[in-house]
């Protein structure tokens, strides 16, 4: 019955993924095309790491945007991502960054 109500009201339900949150964080830091491209590339690489499943998709997305901005030498702008993320979620961002920093070797 609930599904029928959603269809009648034209609701669209979806599961939040890394890419949904990445859009939000990239917008928050006003990222350029280069950072966005790097973050999306890191997201594809991160899918191969089962370790990232321990963290919320929002935490992984924030981590990937931070790593992409560090790699692009946009150090000043990633502070906004940390500020937005810490305000909304439990603070496991540091652990997630440590677990995914191996991705940077593929950015060269």
PDB file of N, CA and C in Angstrom:
ATOM      1  N   UNK A   1       0.821  -1.186   0.000  1.00  0.00           N
ATOM      2  CA  UNK A   1       0.000   0.000   0.000  1.00  0.00           C
ATOM      3  C   UNK A   1       0.874   1.262   0.000  1.00  0.00           C
ATOM      4  N   UNK A   2       1.944   1.247   0.795  1.00  0.00           N
ATOM      5  CA  UNK A   2       2.832   2.409   0.847  1.00  0.00           C
ATOM      6  C   UNK A   2       3.482   2.665  -0.504  1.00  0.00           C
ATOM      7  N   UNK A   3       3.864   1.581  -1.161  1.00  0.00           N
ATOM      8  CA  UNK A   3       4.486   1.709  -2.488  1.00  0.00           C
ATOM      9  C   UNK A   3       3.499   2.331  -3.481  1.00  0.00           C
ATOM     10  N   UNK A   4       2.246   1.944  -3.396  1.00  0.00           N
ATOM     11  CA  UNK A   4       1.212   2.485  -4.273  1.00  0.00           C
ATOM     12  C   UNK A   4       1.033   3.985  -4.035  1.00  0.00           C
ATOM     13  N   UNK A   5       1.023   4.397  -2.789  1.00  0.00           N
ATOM     14  CA  UNK A   5       0.898   5.821  -2.455  1.00  0.00           C
ATOM     15  C   UNK A   5       2.073   6.598  -3.030  1.00  0.00           C
ATOM     16  N   UNK A   6       3.270   6.059  -2.923  1.00  0.00           N
ATOM     17  CA  UNK A   6       4.449   6.732  -3.479  1.00  0.00           C
ATOM     18  C   UNK A   6       4.347   6.863  -4.990  1.00  0.00           C
ATOM     19  N   UNK A   7       3.870   5.833  -5.639  1.00  0.00           N
ATOM     20  CA  UNK A   7       3.739   5.896  -7.096  1.00  0.00           C
ATOM     21  C   UNK A   7       2.669   6.897  -7.514  1.00  0.00           C
ATOM     22  N   UNK A   8       1.562   6.931  -6.799  1.00  0.00           N
ATOM     23  CA  UNK A   8       0.489   7.876  -7.128  1.00  0.00           C
ATOM     24  C   UNK A   8       0.971   9.308  -6.939  1.00  0.00           C
ATOM     25  N   UNK A   9       1.743   9.565  -5.888  1.00  0.00           N
ATOM     26  CA  UNK A   9       2.254  10.915  -5.626  1.00  0.00           C
ATOM     27  C   UNK A   9       3.528  11.221  -6.406  1.00  0.00           C
ATOM     28  N   UNK A  10       3.983  10.258  -7.188  1.00  0.00           N
ATOM     29  CA  UNK A  10       5.180  10.404  -8.026  1.00  0.00           C
ATOM     30  C   UNK A  10       6.442  10.656  -7.196  1.00  0.00           C
ATOM     31  N   UNK A  11       6.532   9.985  -6.049  1.00  0.00           N
ATOM     32  CA  UNK A  11       7.741  10.067  -5.241  1.00  0.00           C
ATOM     33  C   UNK A  11       8.794   9.158  -5.838  1.00  0.00           C
ATOM     34  N   UNK A  12      10.015   9.594  -5.747  1.00  0.00           N
ATOM     35  CA  UNK A  12      11.115   8.772  -6.230  1.00  0.00           C
ATOM     36  C   UNK A  12      12.058   8.509  -5.070  1.00  0.00           C
ATOM     37  N   UNK A  13      12.183   7.279  -4.718  1.00  0.00           N
ATOM     38  CA  UNK A  13      13.040   6.886  -3.607  1.00  0.00           C
ATOM     39  C   UNK A  13      14.347   6.328  -4.159  1.00  0.00           C
ATOM     40  N   UNK A  14      15.425   6.654  -3.495  1.00  0.00           N
ATOM     41  CA  UNK A  14      16.718   6.130  -3.897  1.00  0.00           C
ATOM     42  C   UNK A  14      17.597   6.003  -2.665  1.00  0.00           C
ATOM     43  N   UNK A  15      18.602   5.178  -2.792  1.00  0.00           N
ATOM     44  CA  UNK A  15      19.560   5.004  -1.712  1.00  0.00           C
ATOM     45  C   UNK A  15      20.670   6.036  -1.867  1.00  0.00           C
ATOM     46  N   UNK A  16      21.052   6.680  -0.787  1.00  0.00           N
ATOM     47  CA  UNK A  16      22.150   7.650  -0.893  1.00  0.00           C
ATOM     48  C   UNK A  16      23.466   6.943  -1.162  1.00  0.00           C
ATOM     49  N   UNK A  17      24.213   7.473  -2.107  1.00  0.00           N
ATOM     50  CA  UNK A  17      25.502   6.900  -2.460  1.00  0.00           C
ATOM     51  C   UNK A  17      26.588   7.951  -2.247  1.00  0.00           C
ATOM     52  N   UNK A  18      27.807   7.540  -2.459  1.00  0.00           N
ATOM     53  CA  UNK A  18      28.938   8.460  -2.354  1.00  0.00           C
ATOM     54  C   UNK A  18      28.747   9.643  -3.298  1.00  0.00           C
ATOM     55  N   UNK A  19      28.232   9.367  -4.483  1.00  0.00           N
ATOM     56  CA  UNK A  19      28.102  10.423  -5.496  1.00  0.00           C
ATOM     57  C   UNK A  19      27.062  11.465  -5.116  1.00  0.00           C
ATOM     58  N   UNK A  20      25.980  11.065  -4.429  1.00  0.00           N
ATOM     59  CA  UNK A  20      25.004  12.049  -3.963  1.00  0.00           C
ATOM     60  C   UNK A  20      25.636  13.035  -2.993  1.00  0.00           C
ATOM     61  N   UNK A  21      26.400  12.527  -2.063  1.00  0.00           N
ATOM     62  CA  UNK A  21      27.044  13.388  -1.075  1.00  0.00           C
ATOM     63  C   UNK A  21      28.211  14.167  -1.667  1.00  0.00           C
ATOM     64  N   UNK A  22      28.901  13.563  -2.617  1.00  0.00           N
ATOM     65  CA  UNK A  22      30.033  14.245  -3.238  1.00  0.00           C
ATOM     66  C   UNK A  22      29.577  15.526  -3.921  1.00  0.00           C
ATOM     67  N   UNK A  23      28.427  15.482  -4.570  1.00  0.00           N
ATOM     68  CA  UNK A  23      27.867  16.684  -5.201  1.00  0.00           C
ATOM     69  C   UNK A  23      27.697  17.787  -4.156  1.00  0.00           C
ATOM     70  N   UNK A  24      27.168  17.414  -2.999  1.00  0.00           N
ATOM     71  CA  UNK A  24      26.937  18.377  -1.926  1.00  0.00           C
ATOM     72  C   UNK A  24      28.247  18.993  -1.430  1.00  0.00           C
ATOM     73  N   UNK A  25      29.253  18.169  -1.191  1.00  0.00           N
ATOM     74  CA  UNK A  25      30.528  18.667  -0.683  1.00  0.00           C
ATOM     75  C   UNK A  25      31.291  19.482  -1.728  1.00  0.00           C
ATOM     76  N   UNK A  26      31.226  19.073  -2.981  1.00  0.00           N
ATOM     77  CA  UNK A  26      31.876  19.851  -4.037  1.00  0.00           C
ATOM     78  C   UNK A  26      31.233  21.228  -4.161  1.00  0.00           C
ATOM     79  N   UNK A  27      29.930  21.272  -4.001  1.00  0.00           N
ATOM     80  CA  UNK A  27      29.225  22.554  -4.046  1.00  0.00           C
ATOM     81  C   UNK A  27      29.587  23.405  -2.829  1.00  0.00           C
ATOM     82  N   UNK A  28      29.714  22.781  -1.669  1.00  0.00           N
ATOM     83  CA  UNK A  28      30.041  23.519  -0.441  1.00  0.00           C
ATOM     84  C   UNK A  28      31.411  24.176  -0.521  1.00  0.00           C
ATOM     85  N   UNK A  29      32.357  23.510  -1.169  1.00  0.00           N
ATOM     86  CA  UNK A  29      33.704  24.084  -1.254  1.00  0.00           C
ATOM     87  C   UNK A  29      33.914  24.889  -2.533  1.00  0.00           C
ATOM     88  N   UNK A  30      32.855  24.991  -3.354  1.00  0.00           N
ATOM     89  CA  UNK A  30      32.939  25.723  -4.622  1.00  0.00           C
ATOM     90  C   UNK A  30      34.114  25.219  -5.453  1.00  0.00           C
ATOM     91  N   UNK A  31      34.140  23.916  -5.623  1.00  0.00           N
ATOM     92  CA  UNK A  31      35.259  23.252  -6.307  1.00  0.00           C
ATOM     93  C   UNK A  31      35.235  23.525  -7.801  1.00  0.00           C
ATOM     94  N   UNK A  32      36.417  23.580  -8.346  1.00  0.00           N
ATOM     95  CA  UNK A  32      36.561  23.733  -9.783  1.00  0.00           C
ATOM     96  C   UNK A  32      36.428  22.392 -10.483  1.00  0.00           C
ATOM     97  N   UNK A  33      36.508  22.442 -11.794  1.00  0.00           N
ATOM     98  CA  UNK A  33      36.342  21.236 -12.602  1.00  0.00           C
ATOM     99  C   UNK A  33      37.438  20.215 -12.325  1.00  0.00           C
ATOM    100  N   UNK A  34      38.649  20.698 -12.055  1.00  0.00           N
ATOM    101  CA  UNK A  34      39.771  19.785 -11.815  1.00  0.00           C
ATOM    102  C   UNK A  34      39.573  18.982 -10.527  1.00  0.00           C
ATOM    103  N   UNK A  35      39.150  19.641  -9.460  1.00  0.00           N
ATOM    104  CA  UNK A  35      38.912  18.941  -8.188  1.00  0.00           C
ATOM    105  C   UNK A  35      37.748  17.968  -8.343  1.00  0.00           C
ATOM    106  N   UNK A  36      36.708  18.387  -9.037  1.00  0.00           N
ATOM    107  CA  UNK A  36      35.565  17.505  -9.244  1.00  0.00           C
ATOM    108  C   UNK A  36      35.972  16.257 -10.029  1.00  0.00           C
ATOM    109  N   UNK A  37      36.765  16.440 -11.055  1.00  0.00           N
ATOM    110  CA  UNK A  37      37.229  15.310 -11.864  1.00  0.00           C
ATOM    111  C   UNK A  37      38.071  14.357 -11.023  1.00  0.00           C
ATOM    112  N   UNK A  38      38.969  14.915 -10.209  1.00  0.00           N
ATOM    113  CA  UNK A  38      39.813  14.073  -9.351  1.00  0.00           C
ATOM    114  C   UNK A  38      38.979  13.332  -8.306  1.00  0.00           C
ATOM    115  N   UNK A  39      38.002  14.020  -7.717  1.00  0.00           N
ATOM    116  CA  UNK A  39      37.166  13.397  -6.692  1.00  0.00           C
ATOM    117  C   UNK A  39      36.359  12.241  -7.287  1.00  0.00           C
ATOM    118  N   UNK A  40      35.828  12.424  -8.474  1.00  0.00           N
ATOM    119  CA  UNK A  40      35.057  11.360  -9.111  1.00  0.00           C
ATOM    120  C   UNK A  40      35.946  10.167  -9.481  1.00  0.00           C
ATOM    121  N   UNK A  41      37.156  10.460  -9.896  1.00  0.00           N
ATOM    122  CA  UNK A  41      38.105   9.384 -10.196  1.00  0.00           C
ATOM    123  C   UNK A  41      38.441   8.601  -8.926  1.00  0.00           C
ATOM    124  N   UNK A  42      38.678   9.314  -7.837  1.00  0.00           N
ATOM    125  CA  UNK A  42      38.960   8.651  -6.564  1.00  0.00           C
ATOM    126  C   UNK A  42      37.763   7.825  -6.102  1.00  0.00           C
ATOM    127  N   UNK A  43      36.554   8.300  -6.374  1.00  0.00           N
ATOM    128  CA  UNK A  43      35.353   7.554  -5.980  1.00  0.00           C
ATOM    129  C   UNK A  43      35.287   6.212  -6.696  1.00  0.00           C
ATOM    130  N   UNK A  44      35.641   6.199  -7.971  1.00  0.00           N
ATOM    131  CA  UNK A  44      35.651   4.936  -8.713  1.00  0.00           C
ATOM    132  C   UNK A  44      36.694   3.989  -8.130  1.00  0.00           C
ATOM    133  N   UNK A  45      37.866   4.528  -7.800  1.00  0.00           N
ATOM    134  CA  UNK A  45      38.901   3.686  -7.195  1.00  0.00           C
ATOM    135  C   UNK A  45      38.493   3.189  -5.815  1.00  0.00           C
ATOM    136  N   UNK A  46      37.798   4.018  -5.065  1.00  0.00           N
ATOM    137  CA  UNK A  46      37.403   3.656  -3.699  1.00  0.00           C
ATOM    138  C   UNK A  46      36.405   2.505  -3.686  1.00  0.00           C
ATOM    139  N   UNK A  47      35.685   2.328  -4.768  1.00  0.00           N
ATOM    140  CA  UNK A  47      34.716   1.230  -4.819  1.00  0.00           C
ATOM    141  C   UNK A  47      35.378  -0.142  -4.723  1.00  0.00           C
ATOM    142  N   UNK A  48      36.654  -0.197  -5.055  1.00  0.00           N
ATOM    143  CA  UNK A  48      37.358  -1.485  -4.989  1.00  0.00           C
ATOM    144  C   UNK A  48      37.855  -1.816  -3.588  1.00  0.00           C
ATOM    145  N   UNK A  49      37.714  -0.871  -2.668  1.00  0.00           N
ATOM    146  CA  UNK A  49      38.203  -1.066  -1.308  1.00  0.00           C
ATOM    147  C   UNK A  49      37.043  -1.362  -0.368  1.00  0.00           C
ATOM    148  N   UNK A  50      36.985  -2.568   0.152  1.00  0.00           N
ATOM    149  CA  UNK A  50      35.899  -2.939   1.054  1.00  0.00           C
ATOM    150  C   UNK A  50      35.977  -2.214   2.390  1.00  0.00           C
ATOM    151  N   UNK A  51      37.134  -1.676   2.707  1.00  0.00           N
ATOM    152  CA  UNK A  51      37.317  -0.930   3.959  1.00  0.00           C
ATOM    153  C   UNK A  51      36.385   0.272   4.033  1.00  0.00           C
ATOM    154  N   UNK A  52      36.096   0.871   2.894  1.00  0.00           N
ATOM    155  CA  UNK A  52      35.256   2.061   2.896  1.00  0.00           C
ATOM    156  C   UNK A  52      33.809   1.757   3.282  1.00  0.00           C
ATOM    157  N   UNK A  53      33.420   0.494   3.269  1.00  0.00           N
ATOM    158  CA  UNK A  53      32.062   0.131   3.659  1.00  0.00           C
ATOM    159  C   UNK A  53      31.817   0.298   5.155  1.00  0.00           C
ATOM    160  N   UNK A  54      32.887   0.445   5.934  1.00  0.00           N
ATOM    161  CA  UNK A  54      32.743   0.682   7.380  1.00  0.00           C
ATOM    162  C   UNK A  54      32.219   2.077   7.669  1.00  0.00           C
ATOM    163  N   UNK A  55      32.373   2.987   6.724  1.00  0.00           N
ATOM    164  CA  UNK A  55      32.026   4.391   6.929  1.00  0.00           C
ATOM    165  C   UNK A  55      30.747   4.738   6.180  1.00  0.00           C
ATOM    166  N   UNK A  56      30.067   5.758   6.661  1.00  0.00           N
ATOM    167  CA  UNK A  56      28.867   6.255   5.993  1.00  0.00           C
ATOM    168  C   UNK A  56      29.249   6.800   4.619  1.00  0.00           C
ATOM    169  N   UNK A  57      28.346   6.737   3.640  1.00  0.00           N
ATOM    170  CA  UNK A  57      28.642   7.301   2.316  1.00  0.00           C
ATOM    171  C   UNK A  57      29.017   8.785   2.376  1.00  0.00           C
ATOM    172  N   UNK A  58      28.418   9.530   3.290  1.00  0.00           N
ATOM    173  CA  UNK A  58      28.747  10.953   3.418  1.00  0.00           C
ATOM    174  C   UNK A  58      30.184  11.145   3.888  1.00  0.00           C
ATOM    175  N   UNK A  59      30.651  10.279   4.762  1.00  0.00           N
ATOM    176  CA  UNK A  59      32.025  10.367   5.259  1.00  0.00           C
ATOM    177  C   UNK A  59      33.018  10.025   4.154  1.00  0.00           C
ATOM    178  N   UNK A  60      32.725   8.988   3.389  1.00  0.00           N
ATOM    179  CA  UNK A  60      33.610   8.613   2.285  1.00  0.00           C
ATOM    180  C   UNK A  60      33.640   9.726   1.237  1.00  0.00           C
ATOM    181  N   UNK A  61      32.491  10.314   0.941  1.00  0.00           N
ATOM    182  CA  UNK A  61      32.443  11.403  -0.041  1.00  0.00           C
ATOM    183  C   UNK A  61      33.243  12.607   0.440  1.00  0.00           C
ATOM    184  N   UNK A  62      33.106  12.964   1.709  1.00  0.00           N
ATOM    185  CA  UNK A  62      33.885  14.082   2.253  1.00  0.00           C
ATOM    186  C   UNK A  62      35.374  13.781   2.177  1.00  0.00           C
ATOM    187  N   UNK A  63      35.747  12.562   2.490  1.00  0.00           N
ATOM    188  CA  UNK A  63      37.151  12.161   2.420  1.00  0.00           C
ATOM    189  C   UNK A  63      37.686  12.281   0.999  1.00  0.00           C
ATOM    190  N   UNK A  64      36.934  11.814   0.032  1.00  0.00           N
ATOM    191  CA  UNK A  64      37.396  11.860  -1.358  1.00  0.00           C
ATOM    192  C   UNK A  64      37.533  13.288  -1.865  1.00  0.00           C
ATOM    193  N   UNK A  65      36.613  14.156  -1.468  1.00  0.00           N
ATOM    194  CA  UNK A  65      36.705  15.564  -1.873  1.00  0.00           C
ATOM    195  C   UNK A  65      37.915  16.220  -1.216  1.00  0.00           C
ATOM    196  N   UNK A  66      38.172  15.901   0.043  1.00  0.00           N
ATOM    197  CA  UNK A  66      39.342  16.454   0.734  1.00  0.00           C
ATOM    198  C   UNK A  66      40.630  15.964   0.076  1.00  0.00           C
ATOM    199  N   UNK A  67      40.721  14.672  -0.205  1.00  0.00           N
ATOM    200  CA  UNK A  67      41.918  14.132  -0.859  1.00  0.00           C
ATOM    201  C   UNK A  67      42.118  14.746  -2.240  1.00  0.00           C
ATOM    202  N   UNK A  68      41.040  14.931  -2.988  1.00  0.00           N
ATOM    203  CA  UNK A  68      41.150  15.535  -4.322  1.00  0.00           C
ATOM    204  C   UNK A  68      41.597  16.990  -4.229  1.00  0.00           C
ATOM    205  N   UNK A  69      41.110  17.720  -3.239  1.00  0.00           N
ATOM    206  CA  UNK A  69      41.519  19.124  -3.101  1.00  0.00           C
ATOM    207  C   UNK A  69      42.963  19.233  -2.631  1.00  0.00           C
ATOM    208  N   UNK A  70      43.399  18.316  -1.779  1.00  0.00           N
ATOM    209  CA  UNK A  70      44.804  18.320  -1.367  1.00  0.00           C
ATOM    210  C   UNK A  70      45.715  18.008  -2.544  1.00  0.00           C
ATOM    211  N   UNK A  71      45.296  17.057  -3.368  1.00  0.00           N
ATOM    212  CA  UNK A  71      46.090  16.684  -4.535  1.00  0.00           C
ATOM    213  C   UNK A  71      46.153  17.827  -5.558  1.00  0.00           C
ATOM    214  N   UNK A  72      45.108  18.651  -5.585  1.00  0.00           N
ATOM    215  CA  UNK A  72      45.061  19.781  -6.525  1.00  0.00           C
ATOM    216  C   UNK A  72      45.617  21.063  -5.910  1.00  0.00           C
ATOM    217  N   UNK A  73      46.194  20.957  -4.722  1.00  0.00           N
ATOM    218  CA  UNK A  73      46.760  22.105  -4.001  1.00  0.00           C
ATOM    219  C   UNK A  73      45.739  23.189  -3.702  1.00  0.00           C
ATOM    220  N   UNK A  74      44.508  22.810  -3.476  1.00  0.00           N
ATOM    221  CA  UNK A  74      43.466  23.745  -3.040  1.00  0.00           C
ATOM    222  C   UNK A  74      43.224  23.529  -1.546  1.00  0.00           C
ATOM    223  N   UNK A  75      44.269  23.746  -0.781  1.00  0.00           N
ATOM    224  CA  UNK A  75      44.253  23.433   0.643  1.00  0.00           C
ATOM    225  C   UNK A  75      43.279  24.321   1.415  1.00  0.00           C
ATOM    226  N   UNK A  76      43.148  25.553   1.015  1.00  0.00           N
ATOM    227  CA  UNK A  76      42.293  26.486   1.752  1.00  0.00           C
ATOM    228  C   UNK A  76      40.812  26.113   1.673  1.00  0.00           C
ATOM    229  N   UNK A  77      40.403  25.495   0.582  1.00  0.00           N
ATOM    230  CA  UNK A  77      38.972  25.256   0.384  1.00  0.00           C
ATOM    231  C   UNK A  77      38.442  23.983   1.040  1.00  0.00           C
ATOM    232  N   UNK A  78      39.298  23.038   1.371  1.00  0.00           N
ATOM    233  CA  UNK A  78      38.774  21.797   1.949  1.00  0.00           C
ATOM    234  C   UNK A  78      38.309  21.983   3.389  1.00  0.00           C
ATOM    235  N   UNK A  79      38.664  23.087   4.009  1.00  0.00           N
ATOM    236  CA  UNK A  79      38.182  23.380   5.360  1.00  0.00           C
ATOM    237  C   UNK A  79      36.672  23.477   5.420  1.00  0.00           C
ATOM    238  N   UNK A  80      36.057  23.963   4.344  1.00  0.00           N
ATOM    239  CA  UNK A  80      34.594  24.054   4.303  1.00  0.00           C
ATOM    240  C   UNK A  80      33.952  22.672   4.317  1.00  0.00           C
ATOM    241  N   UNK A  81      34.594  21.716   3.659  1.00  0.00           N
ATOM    242  CA  UNK A  81      34.060  20.344   3.652  1.00  0.00           C
ATOM    243  C   UNK A  81      34.101  19.771   5.062  1.00  0.00           C
ATOM    244  N   UNK A  82      35.215  19.963   5.737  1.00  0.00           N
ATOM    245  CA  UNK A  82      35.336  19.469   7.118  1.00  0.00           C
ATOM    246  C   UNK A  82      34.293  20.129   8.004  1.00  0.00           C
ATOM    247  N   UNK A  83      34.129  21.427   7.852  1.00  0.00           N
ATOM    248  CA  UNK A  83      33.162  22.169   8.666  1.00  0.00           C
ATOM    249  C   UNK A  83      31.742  21.657   8.449  1.00  0.00           C
ATOM    250  N   UNK A  84      31.360  21.449   7.205  1.00  0.00           N
ATOM    251  CA  UNK A  84      30.018  20.961   6.899  1.00  0.00           C
ATOM    252  C   UNK A  84      29.842  19.528   7.379  1.00  0.00           C
ATOM    253  N   UNK A  85      30.842  18.685   7.164  1.00  0.00           N
ATOM    254  CA  UNK A  85      30.723  17.275   7.547  1.00  0.00           C
ATOM    255  C   UNK A  85      30.667  17.092   9.055  1.00  0.00           C
ATOM    256  N   UNK A  86      31.520  17.779   9.779  1.00  0.00           N
ATOM    257  CA  UNK A  86      31.553  17.617  11.235  1.00  0.00           C
ATOM    258  C   UNK A  86      30.241  18.087  11.856  1.00  0.00           C
ATOM    259  N   UNK A  87      29.613  19.047  11.235  1.00  0.00           N
ATOM    260  CA  UNK A  87      28.346  19.563  11.741  1.00  0.00           C
ATOM    261  C   UNK A  87      27.213  18.560  11.551  1.00  0.00           C
ATOM    262  N   UNK A  88      27.324  17.677  10.562  1.00  0.00           N
ATOM    263  CA  UNK A  88      26.206  16.804  10.231  1.00  0.00           C
ATOM    264  C   UNK A  88      26.358  15.350  10.672  1.00  0.00           C
ATOM    265  N   UNK A  89      27.565  14.879  10.914  1.00  0.00           N
ATOM    266  CA  UNK A  89      27.768  13.448  11.194  1.00  0.00           C
ATOM    267  C   UNK A  89      28.705  13.233  12.372  1.00  0.00           C
ATOM    268  N   UNK A  90      28.759  11.967  12.800  1.00  0.00           N
ATOM    269  CA  UNK A  90      29.744  11.635  13.819  1.00  0.00           C
ATOM    270  C   UNK A  90      31.134  11.815  13.218  1.00  0.00           C
ATOM    271  N   UNK A  91      32.077  12.094  14.057  1.00  0.00           N
ATOM    272  CA  UNK A  91      33.385  12.526  13.573  1.00  0.00           C
ATOM    273  C   UNK A  91      34.326  11.339  13.366  1.00  0.00           C
ATOM    274  N   UNK A  92      34.116  10.581  12.316  1.00  0.00           N
ATOM    275  CA  UNK A  92      35.040   9.510  11.954  1.00  0.00           C
ATOM    276  C   UNK A  92      35.777   9.856  10.665  1.00  0.00           C
ATOM    277  N   UNK A  93      35.792  11.125  10.335  1.00  0.00           N
ATOM    278  CA  UNK A  93      36.426  11.595   9.109  1.00  0.00           C
ATOM    279  C   UNK A  93      37.917  11.301   9.100  1.00  0.00           C
ATOM    280  N   UNK A  94      38.572  11.500  10.229  1.00  0.00           N
ATOM    281  CA  UNK A  94      40.015  11.268  10.315  1.00  0.00           C
ATOM    282  C   UNK A  94      40.354   9.805  10.006  1.00  0.00           C
ATOM    283  N   UNK A  95      39.593   8.885  10.566  1.00  0.00           N
ATOM    284  CA  UNK A  95      39.827   7.454  10.314  1.00  0.00           C
ATOM    285  C   UNK A  95      39.594   7.103   8.850  1.00  0.00           C
ATOM    286  N   UNK A  96      38.587   7.707   8.256  1.00  0.00           N
ATOM    287  CA  UNK A  96      38.284   7.421   6.860  1.00  0.00           C
ATOM    288  C   UNK A  96      39.388   7.958   5.946  1.00  0.00           C
ATOM    289  N   UNK A  97      39.904   9.137   6.261  1.00  0.00           N
ATOM    290  CA  UNK A  97      41.012   9.696   5.466  1.00  0.00           C
ATOM    291  C   UNK A  97      42.220   8.776   5.539  1.00  0.00           C
ATOM    292  N   UNK A  98      42.530   8.293   6.737  1.00  0.00           N
ATOM    293  CA  UNK A  98      43.671   7.385   6.889  1.00  0.00           C
ATOM    294  C   UNK A  98      43.465   6.085   6.104  1.00  0.00           C
ATOM    295  N   UNK A  99      42.233   5.590   6.089  1.00  0.00           N
ATOM    296  CA  UNK A  99      41.990   4.313   5.416  1.00  0.00           C
ATOM    297  C   UNK A  99      41.954   4.451   3.891  1.00  0.00           C
ATOM    298  N   UNK A 100      41.734   5.648   3.373  1.00  0.00           N
ATOM    299  CA  UNK A 100      41.652   5.824   1.920  1.00  0.00           C
ATOM    300  C   UNK A 100      42.792   6.643   1.323  1.00  0.00           C
ATOM    301  N   UNK A 101      43.777   6.995   2.127  1.00  0.00           N
ATOM    302  CA  UNK A 101      44.856   7.816   1.580  1.00  0.00           C
ATOM    303  C   UNK A 101      45.725   7.052   0.573  1.00  0.00           C
ATOM    304  N   UNK A 102      45.618   5.730   0.541  1.00  0.00           N
ATOM    305  CA  UNK A 102      46.355   4.949  -0.451  1.00  0.00           C
ATOM    306  C   UNK A 102      45.931   5.306  -1.873  1.00  0.00           C
ATOM    307  N   UNK A 103      44.744   5.888  -2.032  1.00  0.00           N
ATOM    308  CA  UNK A 103      44.253   6.258  -3.361  1.00  0.00           C
ATOM    309  C   UNK A 103      45.131   7.304  -4.048  1.00  0.00           C
ATOM    310  N   UNK A 104      45.831   8.094  -3.245  1.00  0.00           N
ATOM    311  CA  UNK A 104      46.638   9.176  -3.819  1.00  0.00           C
ATOM    312  C   UNK A 104      47.755   8.676  -4.715  1.00  0.00           C
ATOM    313  N   UNK A 105      48.201   7.452  -4.511  1.00  0.00           N
ATOM    314  CA  UNK A 105      49.271   6.921  -5.376  1.00  0.00           C
ATOM    315  C   UNK A 105      48.796   6.757  -6.815  1.00  0.00           C
ATOM    316  N   UNK A 106      47.486   6.703  -7.040  1.00  0.00           N
ATOM    317  CA  UNK A 106      46.962   6.553  -8.394  1.00  0.00           C
ATOM    318  C   UNK A 106      46.670   7.888  -9.071  1.00  0.00           C
ATOM    319  N   UNK A 107      46.932   8.986  -8.378  1.00  0.00           N
ATOM    320  CA  UNK A 107      46.650  10.302  -8.948  1.00  0.00           C
ATOM    321  C   UNK A 107      47.801  10.856  -9.782  1.00  0.00           C
ATOM    322  N   UNK A 108      48.948  10.245  -9.732  1.00  0.00           N
ATOM    323  CA  UNK A 108      50.107  10.760 -10.470  1.00  0.00           C
ATOM    324  C   UNK A 108      49.991  10.565 -11.951  1.00  0.00           C
TER     325      UNK A 108
END
